[in-house]
Amino acid sequence: MSIRRATGDDLAAIMTLERASFPTDAWSEAMMREELVSPHGWYVVDDEAGRLVGYAGLRAVAGAKDADIQTIAIADVSRGRGRGRTLLRTLLEEAARREVAHVFLEVRADNPVAQKLYASEGFAEIGRKPRYYQPDDVDAVVMRLDVRAWRGASTGSASDADGGSASEDAGSGTAWDGGVCT
């Protein structure tokens, strides 16, 4: 597993994986190109022996206290090996480096594998967006992570604002067994 910053040269491979992972609501090539070059976007790829097997993106406006996980996708043949968790943690480390307070995301309500991954890292459901994913009419589960609590849980040294252990807030720690996260 080799995680590196995505470049414009990765666009074709990202789009191949995007279309395979999200057949009904894939981003357009133009949208993805804009994300890769945006000063607010921070995308990484998982490269295995010169083949792109995953990618993930964070949107974090400079100086803002909130950021958004835009996408995480893993190729079918590479799922179940912790790659999604590694990509997610890479994005969260970047959010922490940028001094972001909270990271938000939307995940399909019909994707329990991704929801469990996010919860195990400390994300909590804060709402739903009805019929968000089109044309499938699938709700989005909106989740939020307190980056300081996550950092504390990952280093074992912080408490949350309510005086509880950050590791208590980090979720069950259930191992992720693969799947596409959005």
C-alpha atoms as a PDB file:
ATOM      1  CA  MET A   1       0.000   0.000   0.000  1.00  0.00           C
ATOM      2  CA  SER A   2       1.400   3.340  -1.068  1.00  0.00           C
ATOM      3  CA  ILE A   3      -0.610   6.452  -0.226  1.00  0.00           C
ATOM      4  CA  ARG A   4       0.409   9.602  -2.065  1.00  0.00           C
ATOM      5  CA  ARG A   5      -1.063  12.942  -3.040  1.00  0.00           C
ATOM      6  CA  ALA A   6      -3.223  12.714  -6.161  1.00  0.00           C
ATOM      7  CA  THR A   7      -2.193  14.620  -9.290  1.00  0.00           C
ATOM      8  CA  GLY A   8      -3.853  15.449 -12.588  1.00  0.00           C
ATOM      9  CA  ASP A   9      -2.088  12.427 -14.058  1.00  0.00           C
ATOM     10  CA  ASP A  10      -4.294  10.231 -11.830  1.00  0.00           C
ATOM     11  CA  LEU A  11      -7.544  11.587 -13.264  1.00  0.00           C
ATOM     12  CA  ALA A  12      -8.215   8.787 -15.766  1.00  0.00           C
ATOM     13  CA  ALA A  13      -7.604   6.046 -13.194  1.00  0.00           C
ATOM     14  CA  ILE A  14      -9.663   7.888 -10.575  1.00  0.00           C
ATOM     15  CA  MET A  15     -12.541   8.220 -13.030  1.00  0.00           C
ATOM     16  CA  THR A  16     -12.408   4.511 -13.896  1.00  0.00           C
ATOM     17  CA  LEU A  17     -12.716   3.666 -10.203  1.00  0.00           C
ATOM     18  CA  GLU A  18     -15.319   6.423  -9.658  1.00  0.00           C
ATOM     19  CA  ARG A  19     -17.601   4.996 -12.344  1.00  0.00           C
ATOM     20  CA  ALA A  20     -17.173   1.427 -11.088  1.00  0.00           C
ATOM     21  CA  SER A  21     -17.814   2.423  -7.475  1.00  0.00           C
ATOM     22  CA  PHE A  22     -20.709   4.818  -8.040  1.00  0.00           C
ATOM     23  CA  PRO A  23     -22.448   3.601 -11.202  1.00  0.00           C
ATOM     24  CA  THR A  24     -25.628   5.659 -10.748  1.00  0.00           C
ATOM     25  CA  ASP A  25     -24.182   8.880  -9.378  1.00  0.00           C
ATOM     26  CA  ALA A  26     -20.522   9.130 -10.354  1.00  0.00           C
ATOM     27  CA  TRP A  27     -18.977  12.564 -10.515  1.00  0.00           C
ATOM     28  CA  SER A  28     -18.200  13.906 -13.952  1.00  0.00           C
ATOM     29  CA  GLU A  29     -14.620  14.076 -15.137  1.00  0.00           C
ATOM     30  CA  ALA A  30     -14.843  17.888 -15.111  1.00  0.00           C
ATOM     31  CA  MET A  31     -16.000  17.902 -11.473  1.00  0.00           C
ATOM     32  CA  MET A  32     -13.198  15.577 -10.411  1.00  0.00           C
ATOM     33  CA  ARG A  33     -10.593  17.583 -12.350  1.00  0.00           C
ATOM     34  CA  GLU A  34     -11.737  20.738 -10.527  1.00  0.00           C
ATOM     35  CA  GLU A  35     -11.463  18.963  -7.168  1.00  0.00           C
ATOM     36  CA  LEU A  36      -7.922  17.813  -7.907  1.00  0.00           C
ATOM     37  CA  VAL A  37      -6.717  21.335  -8.722  1.00  0.00           C
ATOM     38  CA  SER A  38      -8.775  23.275  -6.177  1.00  0.00           C
ATOM     39  CA  PRO A  39      -6.771  24.998  -3.441  1.00  0.00           C
ATOM     40  CA  HIS A  40      -9.455  23.724  -1.040  1.00  0.00           C
ATOM     41  CA  GLY A  41      -9.294  20.101  -2.172  1.00  0.00           C
ATOM     42  CA  TRP A  42      -6.790  17.576  -0.852  1.00  0.00           C
ATOM     43  CA  TYR A  43      -6.920  14.212  -2.599  1.00  0.00           C
ATOM     44  CA  VAL A  44      -4.827  11.109  -2.103  1.00  0.00           C
ATOM     45  CA  VAL A  45      -4.572   7.843  -3.993  1.00  0.00           C
ATOM     46  CA  ASP A  46      -3.690   4.324  -2.920  1.00  0.00           C
ATOM     47  CA  ASP A  47      -1.249   2.936  -5.445  1.00  0.00           C
ATOM     48  CA  GLU A  48      -0.366  -0.766  -5.558  1.00  0.00           C
ATOM     49  CA  ALA A  49       2.387  -1.795  -7.943  1.00  0.00           C
ATOM     50  CA  GLY A  50       1.623   1.162 -10.218  1.00  0.00           C
ATOM     51  CA  ARG A  51      -2.144   0.535 -10.227  1.00  0.00           C
ATOM     52  CA  LEU A  52      -4.590   2.888  -8.518  1.00  0.00           C
ATOM     53  CA  VAL A  53      -6.758   0.831  -6.134  1.00  0.00           C
ATOM     54  CA  GLY A  54      -8.299   3.636  -4.086  1.00  0.00           C
ATOM     55  CA  TYR A  55      -8.685   7.361  -3.685  1.00  0.00           C
ATOM     56  CA  ALA A  56     -10.093   9.788  -1.161  1.00  0.00           C
ATOM     57  CA  GLY A  57     -10.703  13.511  -0.925  1.00  0.00           C
ATOM     58  CA  LEU A  58     -11.009  16.196   1.712  1.00  0.00           C
ATOM     59  CA  ARG A  59     -12.387  19.685   1.165  1.00  0.00           C
ATOM     60  CA  ALA A  60     -10.977  22.158   3.660  1.00  0.00           C
ATOM     61  CA  VAL A  61     -11.126  25.879   2.936  1.00  0.00           C
ATOM     62  CA  ALA A  62      -8.015  27.634   4.276  1.00  0.00           C
ATOM     63  CA  GLY A  63      -8.618  28.956   7.770  1.00  0.00           C
ATOM     64  CA  ALA A  64     -12.051  27.321   8.147  1.00  0.00           C
ATOM     65  CA  LYS A  65     -12.790  25.257  11.248  1.00  0.00           C
ATOM     66  CA  ASP A  66     -14.914  22.730   9.356  1.00  0.00           C
ATOM     67  CA  ALA A  67     -13.971  20.365   6.531  1.00  0.00           C
ATOM     68  CA  ASP A  68     -15.780  17.724   4.492  1.00  0.00           C
ATOM     69  CA  ILE A  69     -14.813  14.242   3.420  1.00  0.00           C
ATOM     70  CA  GLN A  70     -15.792  14.344  -0.238  1.00  0.00           C
ATOM     71  CA  THR A  71     -15.289  10.716  -1.187  1.00  0.00           C
ATOM     72  CA  ILE A  72     -13.508   7.462  -0.452  1.00  0.00           C
ATOM     73  CA  ALA A  73     -13.478   4.582  -2.921  1.00  0.00           C
ATOM     74  CA  ILE A  74     -11.647   1.257  -2.986  1.00  0.00           C
ATOM     75  CA  ALA A  75     -11.507  -1.126  -5.954  1.00  0.00           C
ATOM     76  CA  ASP A  76     -13.512  -4.331  -5.447  1.00  0.00           C
ATOM     77  CA  VAL A  77     -10.414  -6.548  -5.549  1.00  0.00           C
ATOM     78  CA  SER A  78      -8.675  -4.489  -2.856  1.00  0.00           C
ATOM     79  CA  ARG A  79     -11.453  -4.309  -0.272  1.00  0.00           C
ATOM     80  CA  GLY A  80     -11.252  -5.913   3.128  1.00  0.00           C
ATOM     81  CA  ARG A  81      -7.608  -5.047   3.747  1.00  0.00           C
ATOM     82  CA  GLY A  82      -7.913  -1.835   5.758  1.00  0.00           C
ATOM     83  CA  ARG A  83      -7.313   0.448   2.795  1.00  0.00           C
ATOM     84  CA  GLY A  84     -10.465   2.502   3.364  1.00  0.00           C
ATOM     85  CA  ARG A  85      -9.509   3.087   6.997  1.00  0.00           C
ATOM     86  CA  THR A  86      -5.990   4.087   5.954  1.00  0.00           C
ATOM     87  CA  LEU A  87      -7.326   6.590   3.418  1.00  0.00           C
ATOM     88  CA  LEU A  88      -9.808   7.970   5.955  1.00  0.00           C
ATOM     89  CA  ARG A  89      -7.111   8.395   8.591  1.00  0.00           C
ATOM     90  CA  THR A  90      -4.867  10.101   6.040  1.00  0.00           C
ATOM     91  CA  LEU A  91      -7.614  12.651   5.359  1.00  0.00           C
ATOM     92  CA  LEU A  92      -8.209  13.155   9.082  1.00  0.00           C
ATOM     93  CA  GLU A  93      -4.507  13.721   9.707  1.00  0.00           C
ATOM     94  CA  GLU A  94      -4.549  16.415   7.029  1.00  0.00           C
ATOM     95  CA  ALA A  95      -7.626  17.988   8.636  1.00  0.00           C
ATOM     96  CA  ALA A  96      -5.793  18.014  11.978  1.00  0.00           C
ATOM     97  CA  ARG A  97      -2.712  19.533  10.326  1.00  0.00           C
ATOM     98  CA  ARG A  98      -4.947  22.293   8.960  1.00  0.00           C
ATOM     99  CA  GLU A  99      -6.312  22.839  12.490  1.00  0.00           C
ATOM    100  CA  VAL A 100      -9.852  21.901  11.502  1.00  0.00           C
ATOM    101  CA  ALA A 101     -12.205  21.440  14.472  1.00  0.00           C
ATOM    102  CA  HIS A 102     -14.866  19.248  12.827  1.00  0.00           C
ATOM    103  CA  VAL A 103     -15.011  17.012   9.784  1.00  0.00           C
ATOM    104  CA  PHE A 104     -18.374  16.266   8.184  1.00  0.00           C
ATOM    105  CA  LEU A 105     -19.476  13.696   5.626  1.00  0.00           C
ATOM    106  CA  GLU A 106     -22.526  12.206   4.004  1.00  0.00           C
ATOM    107  CA  VAL A 107     -22.807   8.452   3.580  1.00  0.00           C
ATOM    108  CA  ARG A 108     -25.507   6.430   1.886  1.00  0.00           C
ATOM    109  CA  ALA A 109     -28.090   5.107   4.346  1.00  0.00           C
ATOM    110  CA  ASP A 110     -27.901   1.765   2.521  1.00  0.00           C
ATOM    111  CA  ASN A 111     -24.137   1.432   3.139  1.00  0.00           C
ATOM    112  CA  PRO A 112     -23.779  -0.002   6.674  1.00  0.00           C
ATOM    113  CA  VAL A 113     -20.154  -1.027   6.077  1.00  0.00           C
ATOM    114  CA  ALA A 114     -19.086   2.577   5.488  1.00  0.00           C
ATOM    115  CA  GLN A 115     -21.212   3.809   8.386  1.00  0.00           C
ATOM    116  CA  LYS A 116     -19.495   1.323  10.729  1.00  0.00           C
ATOM    117  CA  LEU A 117     -16.067   2.429   9.499  1.00  0.00           C
ATOM    118  CA  TYR A 118     -16.862   6.071  10.163  1.00  0.00           C
ATOM    119  CA  ALA A 119     -18.397   5.346  13.576  1.00  0.00           C
ATOM    120  CA  SER A 120     -15.361   3.291  14.567  1.00  0.00           C
ATOM    121  CA  GLU A 121     -13.179   6.347  13.954  1.00  0.00           C
ATOM    122  CA  GLY A 122     -15.442   8.548  16.088  1.00  0.00           C
ATOM    123  CA  PHE A 123     -17.933   9.999  13.607  1.00  0.00           C
ATOM    124  CA  ALA A 124     -21.447  10.431  15.006  1.00  0.00           C
ATOM    125  CA  GLU A 125     -24.698  10.727  13.074  1.00  0.00           C
ATOM    126  CA  ILE A 126     -26.107  14.240  13.349  1.00  0.00           C
ATOM    127  CA  GLY A 127     -28.906  14.105  10.795  1.00  0.00           C
ATOM    128  CA  ARG A 128     -30.243  12.808   7.517  1.00  0.00           C
ATOM    129  CA  LYS A 129     -30.833  14.266   4.075  1.00  0.00           C
ATOM    130  CA  PRO A 130     -33.853  12.556   2.523  1.00  0.00           C
ATOM    131  CA  ARG A 131     -33.429  11.274  -1.039  1.00  0.00           C
ATOM    132  CA  TYR A 132     -29.960  12.869  -1.272  1.00  0.00           C
ATOM    133  CA  TYR A 133     -28.459  10.250  -3.578  1.00  0.00           C
ATOM    134  CA  GLN A 134     -30.106  10.417  -6.982  1.00  0.00           C
ATOM    135  CA  PRO A 135     -31.392   8.757  -9.049  1.00  0.00           C
ATOM    136  CA  ASP A 136     -31.614   6.042  -6.362  1.00  0.00           C
ATOM    137  CA  ASP A 137     -33.698   8.069  -3.851  1.00  0.00           C
ATOM    138  CA  VAL A 138     -31.389   6.989  -1.025  1.00  0.00           C
ATOM    139  CA  ASP A 139     -31.062   9.080   2.110  1.00  0.00           C
ATOM    140  CA  ALA A 140     -27.723  10.475   3.221  1.00  0.00           C
ATOM    141  CA  VAL A 141     -26.633   9.955   6.799  1.00  0.00           C
ATOM    142  CA  VAL A 142     -24.819  13.132   7.870  1.00  0.00           C
ATOM    143  CA  MET A 143     -21.957  12.480  10.282  1.00  0.00           C
ATOM    144  CA  ARG A 144     -19.537  14.699  12.197  1.00  0.00           C
ATOM    145  CA  LEU A 145     -16.185  14.085  13.856  1.00  0.00           C
ATOM    146  CA  ASP A 146     -14.527  16.203  16.540  1.00  0.00           C
ATOM    147  CA  VAL A 147     -10.947  16.249  15.254  1.00  0.00           C
ATOM    148  CA  ARG A 148      -9.395  17.035  18.647  1.00  0.00           C
ATOM    149  CA  ALA A 149     -11.149  14.061  20.261  1.00  0.00           C
ATOM    150  CA  TRP A 150     -10.107  11.849  17.333  1.00  0.00           C
ATOM    151  CA  ARG A 151      -6.481  12.953  17.663  1.00  0.00           C
ATOM    152  CA  GLY A 152      -6.598  12.295  21.384  1.00  0.00           C
ATOM    153  CA  ALA A 153      -8.076   8.842  20.854  1.00  0.00           C
ATOM    154  CA  SER A 154      -5.464   8.003  18.235  1.00  0.00           C
ATOM    155  CA  THR A 155      -2.644   9.098  20.563  1.00  0.00           C
ATOM    156  CA  GLY A 156      -4.403   8.009  23.742  1.00  0.00           C
ATOM    157  CA  SER A 157      -3.860  11.347  25.443  1.00  0.00           C
ATOM    158  CA  ALA A 158      -6.912  13.590  25.215  1.00  0.00           C
ATOM    159  CA  SER A 159     -10.295  13.943  26.863  1.00  0.00           C
ATOM    160  CA  ASP A 160     -13.350  15.370  25.226  1.00  0.00           C
ATOM    161  CA  ALA A 161     -14.942  18.651  26.285  1.00  0.00           C
ATOM    162  CA  ASP A 162     -17.435  16.830  28.562  1.00  0.00           C
ATOM    163  CA  GLY A 163     -14.644  15.248  30.583  1.00  0.00           C
ATOM    164  CA  GLY A 164     -15.026  11.786  29.091  1.00  0.00           C
ATOM    165  CA  SER A 165     -12.349   9.725  27.486  1.00  0.00           C
ATOM    166  CA  ALA A 166     -11.761  10.457  23.818  1.00  0.00           C
ATOM    167  CA  SER A 167     -11.389   6.735  23.221  1.00  0.00           C
ATOM    168  CA  GLU A 168     -14.973   6.267  24.447  1.00  0.00           C
ATOM    169  CA  ASP A 169     -16.103   8.644  21.697  1.00  0.00           C
ATOM    170  CA  ALA A 170     -14.084   6.864  19.029  1.00  0.00           C
ATOM    171  CA  GLY A 171     -16.655   4.128  18.553  1.00  0.00           C
ATOM    172  CA  SER A 172     -16.455   0.392  18.898  1.00  0.00           C
ATOM    173  CA  GLY A 173     -13.195  -0.103  17.021  1.00  0.00           C
ATOM    174  CA  THR A 174     -14.880  -2.686  14.822  1.00  0.00           C
ATOM    175  CA  ALA A 175     -12.613  -3.711  11.973  1.00  0.00           C
ATOM    176  CA  TRP A 176     -13.730  -2.552   8.567  1.00  0.00           C
ATOM    177  CA  ASP A 177     -14.199  -5.386   6.117  1.00  0.00           C
ATOM    178  CA  GLY A 178     -14.356  -3.383   2.904  1.00  0.00           C
ATOM    179  CA  GLY A 179     -16.913  -1.527   0.865  1.00  0.00           C
ATOM    180  CA  VAL A 180     -17.246   1.771  -0.860  1.00  0.00           C
ATOM    181  CA  CYS A 181     -17.526   4.841   1.306  1.00  0.00           C
ATOM    182  CA  THR A 182     -19.116   8.047   0.170  1.00  0.00           C
END
